[in-house]
N, C-alpha and C. Protein backbone atom coordinates (compact mmCIF):
# COMPACT_ATOMS: atom_id res chain seq x y z
N UNK A 1 -4.45 15.33 21.58
CA UNK A 1 -3.45 16.20 20.98
C UNK A 1 -1.98 15.23 20.32
N UNK A 2 -1.97 16.00 19.44
CA UNK A 2 -0.94 15.27 18.54
C UNK A 2 0.42 15.74 19.18
N UNK A 3 1.44 14.72 18.96
CA UNK A 3 2.91 15.09 19.68
C UNK A 3 3.51 15.99 18.43
N UNK A 4 4.40 17.07 18.83
CA UNK A 4 5.15 17.81 17.80
C UNK A 4 6.18 16.90 17.34
N UNK A 5 6.28 17.06 15.97
CA UNK A 5 7.31 16.11 15.32
C UNK A 5 8.40 17.15 14.63
N UNK A 6 9.54 17.38 14.80
CA UNK A 6 10.40 18.19 14.05
C UNK A 6 10.83 17.63 12.79
N UNK A 7 11.87 18.40 12.12
CA UNK A 7 12.22 17.91 10.84
C UNK A 7 12.79 16.74 10.71
N UNK A 8 13.76 16.50 11.54
CA UNK A 8 14.44 14.99 11.45
C UNK A 8 13.44 13.90 11.59
N UNK A 9 12.61 13.93 12.59
CA UNK A 9 11.34 12.80 12.78
C UNK A 9 10.57 12.73 11.50
N UNK A 10 10.18 14.00 10.92
CA UNK A 10 9.48 13.80 9.64
C UNK A 10 10.02 13.33 8.57
N UNK A 11 11.52 13.59 8.44
CA UNK A 11 12.24 13.18 7.05
C UNK A 11 12.85 11.98 7.34
N UNK A 12 12.86 11.48 8.71
CA UNK A 12 13.58 10.27 8.77
C UNK A 12 12.86 9.44 9.81
N UNK A 13 11.62 9.07 9.73
CA UNK A 13 10.79 8.43 10.74
C UNK A 13 11.70 6.92 11.01
N UNK A 14 11.39 6.77 12.26
CA UNK A 14 11.77 5.23 12.72
C UNK A 14 13.31 5.10 13.08
N UNK A 15 13.94 6.43 13.28
CA UNK A 15 15.52 6.14 13.74
C UNK A 15 15.39 6.15 15.20
N UNK A 16 16.78 5.60 15.60
CA UNK A 16 16.74 5.29 16.91
C UNK A 16 16.79 6.82 17.79
N UNK A 17 16.73 6.57 18.96
CA UNK A 17 16.78 7.91 19.88
C UNK A 17 18.34 8.37 19.67
N UNK A 18 19.20 7.54 19.79
CA UNK A 18 20.65 7.86 19.61
C UNK A 18 20.82 8.40 18.43
N UNK A 19 20.41 8.09 17.31
CA UNK A 19 20.71 8.64 16.03
C UNK A 19 20.12 10.04 15.88
N UNK A 20 18.77 10.05 16.46
CA UNK A 20 18.00 11.48 16.66
C UNK A 20 18.98 12.33 17.20
N UNK A 21 19.44 12.11 18.31
CA UNK A 21 20.31 13.15 19.21
C UNK A 21 21.57 13.37 18.24
N UNK A 22 22.08 12.60 17.65
CA UNK A 22 23.47 13.02 16.87
C UNK A 22 22.98 13.87 15.64
N UNK A 23 21.94 13.57 15.12
CA UNK A 23 21.51 14.43 13.97
C UNK A 23 21.00 15.87 14.51
N UNK A 24 20.35 15.98 15.85
CA UNK A 24 20.00 16.95 16.12
C UNK A 24 21.13 18.14 16.63
N UNK A 25 22.22 17.41 17.12
CA UNK A 25 23.47 18.04 17.37
C UNK A 25 24.06 18.43 16.02
N UNK A 26 23.89 17.80 14.85
CA UNK A 26 24.34 18.40 13.61
C UNK A 26 23.45 19.77 13.28
N UNK A 27 22.29 19.57 13.49
CA UNK A 27 21.31 20.59 13.02
C UNK A 27 21.62 21.82 13.98
N UNK A 28 21.78 21.63 15.14
CA UNK A 28 22.33 22.78 16.05
C UNK A 28 23.69 23.43 15.60
N UNK A 29 24.61 22.50 15.16
CA UNK A 29 25.82 22.99 14.77
C UNK A 29 25.70 23.80 13.42
N UNK A 30 24.52 23.43 12.53
CA UNK A 30 24.33 24.18 11.46
C UNK A 30 23.70 25.60 11.65
N UNK A 31 23.01 25.55 12.80
CA UNK A 31 22.27 26.95 13.05
C UNK A 31 23.17 27.82 13.76
N UNK A 32 23.93 27.14 14.71
CA UNK A 32 25.09 28.13 15.37
C UNK A 32 26.07 28.58 14.45
N UNK A 33 26.53 27.73 13.41
CA UNK A 33 27.42 28.23 12.40
C UNK A 33 26.73 29.48 11.67
N UNK A 34 25.71 29.18 11.26
CA UNK A 34 24.87 30.18 10.42
C UNK A 34 25.10 31.47 11.06
N UNK A 35 24.80 31.43 12.47
CA UNK A 35 24.80 32.78 13.27
C UNK A 35 26.15 33.44 13.34
N UNK A 36 27.03 32.27 13.64
CA UNK A 36 28.34 32.92 13.95
C UNK A 36 29.02 33.48 12.66
N UNK A 37 28.49 33.10 11.47
CA UNK A 37 29.16 33.47 10.32
C UNK A 37 28.72 35.09 10.16
N UNK A 38 27.55 35.38 10.54
CA UNK A 38 27.22 36.57 10.39
C UNK A 38 27.79 37.49 11.41
N UNK A 39 28.33 37.13 12.35
CA UNK A 39 29.01 37.77 13.24
C UNK A 39 30.49 38.38 12.99
N UNK A 40 31.03 37.46 12.21
CA UNK A 40 32.63 37.76 11.94
C UNK A 40 32.65 37.52 10.48
N UNK A 41 32.15 38.36 9.68
CA UNK A 41 32.38 38.17 8.29
C UNK A 41 33.69 38.72 7.61
N UNK A 42 34.04 37.86 6.72
CA UNK A 42 35.61 38.20 6.27
C UNK A 42 36.72 37.92 7.08
N UNK A 43 36.37 36.93 8.05
CA UNK A 43 37.79 36.62 9.01
C UNK A 43 37.96 35.11 8.90
N UNK A 44 39.02 34.64 9.33
CA UNK A 44 39.27 33.26 9.26
C UNK A 44 38.37 32.47 10.06
N UNK A 45 37.74 33.19 11.14
CA UNK A 45 36.61 32.32 11.74
C UNK A 45 35.75 32.04 11.08
N UNK A 46 35.19 33.05 10.13
CA UNK A 46 34.04 32.98 9.25
C UNK A 46 34.22 31.77 8.31
N UNK A 47 35.51 31.79 7.88
CA UNK A 47 35.66 30.39 6.86
C UNK A 47 35.47 29.18 7.64
N UNK A 48 35.92 29.00 9.02
CA UNK A 48 35.65 27.85 9.59
C UNK A 48 34.45 27.59 9.87
N UNK A 49 33.46 28.46 10.15
CA UNK A 49 32.10 28.28 10.68
C UNK A 49 31.34 27.84 9.27
N UNK A 50 31.84 28.80 8.06
CA UNK A 50 31.42 28.23 6.86
C UNK A 50 31.47 26.85 6.58
N UNK A 51 32.73 26.42 6.87
CA UNK A 51 33.03 24.83 6.50
C UNK A 51 32.19 23.95 7.56
N UNK A 52 32.02 24.36 8.88
CA UNK A 52 31.06 23.54 9.50
C UNK A 52 29.48 23.50 8.79
N UNK A 53 29.02 24.78 8.30
CA UNK A 53 27.70 24.81 7.83
C UNK A 53 27.62 24.09 6.55
N UNK A 54 28.69 23.96 5.80
CA UNK A 54 28.61 23.19 4.51
C UNK A 54 28.56 21.78 4.79
N UNK A 55 29.51 21.07 5.71
CA UNK A 55 29.41 19.86 6.15
C UNK A 55 28.27 19.14 6.72
N UNK A 56 27.56 19.98 7.58
CA UNK A 56 26.49 19.46 8.32
C UNK A 56 25.13 19.51 7.63
N UNK A 57 25.12 20.41 6.92
CA UNK A 57 23.94 20.37 5.88
C UNK A 57 23.77 19.44 5.10
N UNK A 58 24.59 18.79 4.47
CA UNK A 58 24.72 17.62 3.76
C UNK A 58 24.50 16.36 4.42
N UNK A 59 24.75 16.36 5.69
CA UNK A 59 24.66 15.30 6.39
C UNK A 59 23.38 15.01 7.38
N UNK A 60 22.71 16.26 7.74
CA UNK A 60 21.49 15.98 8.52
C UNK A 60 20.86 14.96 8.35
N UNK A 61 20.32 14.92 7.12
CA UNK A 61 19.29 13.62 6.68
C UNK A 61 19.78 12.65 5.83
N UNK A 62 21.16 12.64 5.58
CA UNK A 62 21.99 11.56 4.68
C UNK A 62 21.84 10.34 5.52
N UNK A 63 21.62 9.11 4.90
CA UNK A 63 21.96 7.99 5.35
C UNK A 63 23.42 7.90 5.95
N UNK A 64 23.58 7.61 7.21
CA UNK A 64 24.65 7.48 7.89
C UNK A 64 24.73 6.49 9.06
N UNK A 65 25.93 5.86 9.60
CA UNK A 65 25.88 5.00 10.87
C UNK A 65 25.85 5.96 12.20
N UNK A 66 25.49 5.65 12.95
CA UNK A 66 25.91 6.49 14.38
C UNK A 66 27.35 6.83 14.45
N UNK A 67 28.17 5.72 14.20
CA UNK A 67 29.84 6.16 14.23
C UNK A 67 30.07 7.12 13.24
N UNK A 68 29.51 7.28 12.19
CA UNK A 68 29.96 8.29 11.09
C UNK A 68 29.32 9.69 11.51
N UNK A 69 28.03 9.81 12.28
CA UNK A 69 27.54 10.86 12.62
C UNK A 69 28.34 11.45 13.96
N UNK A 70 28.70 10.54 14.80
CA UNK A 70 29.54 10.89 15.91
C UNK A 70 30.75 11.60 15.59
N UNK A 71 31.54 11.07 14.41
CA UNK A 71 32.68 11.65 14.02
C UNK A 71 32.58 12.93 13.50
N UNK A 72 31.46 13.22 12.84
CA UNK A 72 31.27 14.40 12.00
C UNK A 72 30.94 15.64 13.36
N UNK A 73 30.17 15.09 14.42
CA UNK A 73 29.91 16.07 15.59
C UNK A 73 31.07 16.27 16.13
N UNK A 74 32.00 15.28 16.38
CA UNK A 74 33.36 15.71 16.87
C UNK A 74 34.27 16.64 16.15
N UNK A 75 34.19 16.47 14.67
CA UNK A 75 35.04 17.54 13.76
C UNK A 75 34.47 18.78 13.95
N UNK A 76 32.92 19.01 13.96
CA UNK A 76 32.47 20.23 14.14
C UNK A 76 32.91 21.06 15.12
N UNK A 77 32.80 20.08 16.57
CA UNK A 77 33.34 20.75 17.80
C UNK A 77 34.84 21.06 17.60
N UNK A 78 35.60 20.54 17.01
CA UNK A 78 36.98 21.06 16.88
C UNK A 78 37.03 22.21 15.92
N UNK A 79 36.35 22.22 14.88
CA UNK A 79 36.14 23.58 13.99
C UNK A 79 35.73 24.50 14.81
N UNK A 80 34.68 24.56 15.60
CA UNK A 80 34.04 25.59 16.54
C UNK A 80 35.21 26.16 17.33
N UNK A 81 35.83 25.23 18.02
CA UNK A 81 37.01 25.74 19.07
C UNK A 81 38.12 26.52 18.27
N UNK A 82 38.46 26.01 17.01
CA UNK A 82 39.38 26.67 16.25
C UNK A 82 38.89 28.20 15.69
N UNK A 83 37.72 28.10 15.31
CA UNK A 83 36.73 29.43 14.82
C UNK A 83 36.80 30.28 16.24
N UNK A 84 36.55 29.88 17.33
CA UNK A 84 36.58 30.79 18.62
C UNK A 84 37.91 31.30 18.83
N UNK A 85 39.00 30.35 18.70
CA UNK A 85 40.23 30.86 18.91
C UNK A 85 40.57 32.01 18.00
N UNK A 86 40.24 32.03 16.55
CA UNK A 86 40.30 33.20 15.72
C UNK A 86 39.64 34.39 16.16
N UNK A 87 38.45 34.15 16.70
CA UNK A 87 37.66 35.25 17.23
C UNK A 87 38.42 35.97 18.33
N UNK A 88 38.82 35.21 19.05
CA UNK A 88 39.58 35.82 20.35
C UNK A 88 40.76 36.49 19.84
N UNK A 89 41.36 36.14 18.95
CA UNK A 89 42.45 36.76 18.26
C UNK A 89 42.45 38.12 17.66
N UNK A 90 41.06 38.50 17.26
CA UNK A 90 40.67 39.79 16.66
C UNK A 90 40.82 40.83 17.46
């Protein structure tokens, strides 16, 4: 039985477990931001979620250090918090 390999493993074979986890977080941020944009069209929250989506889409498979990826994960977290704040203000 073959082991399932997701997109990150397929496009970036040989990366460390830590790097995989960071890239998986970015992929999750992309997926969540896509869903969030659909829920709040035309709002300030939509703009923030769109920014998250654009940022992480370019970085999921791009060469980067773990430190760079962690900084991006942290930035996405902050943008999500801001987006949720705007949603709560609606």
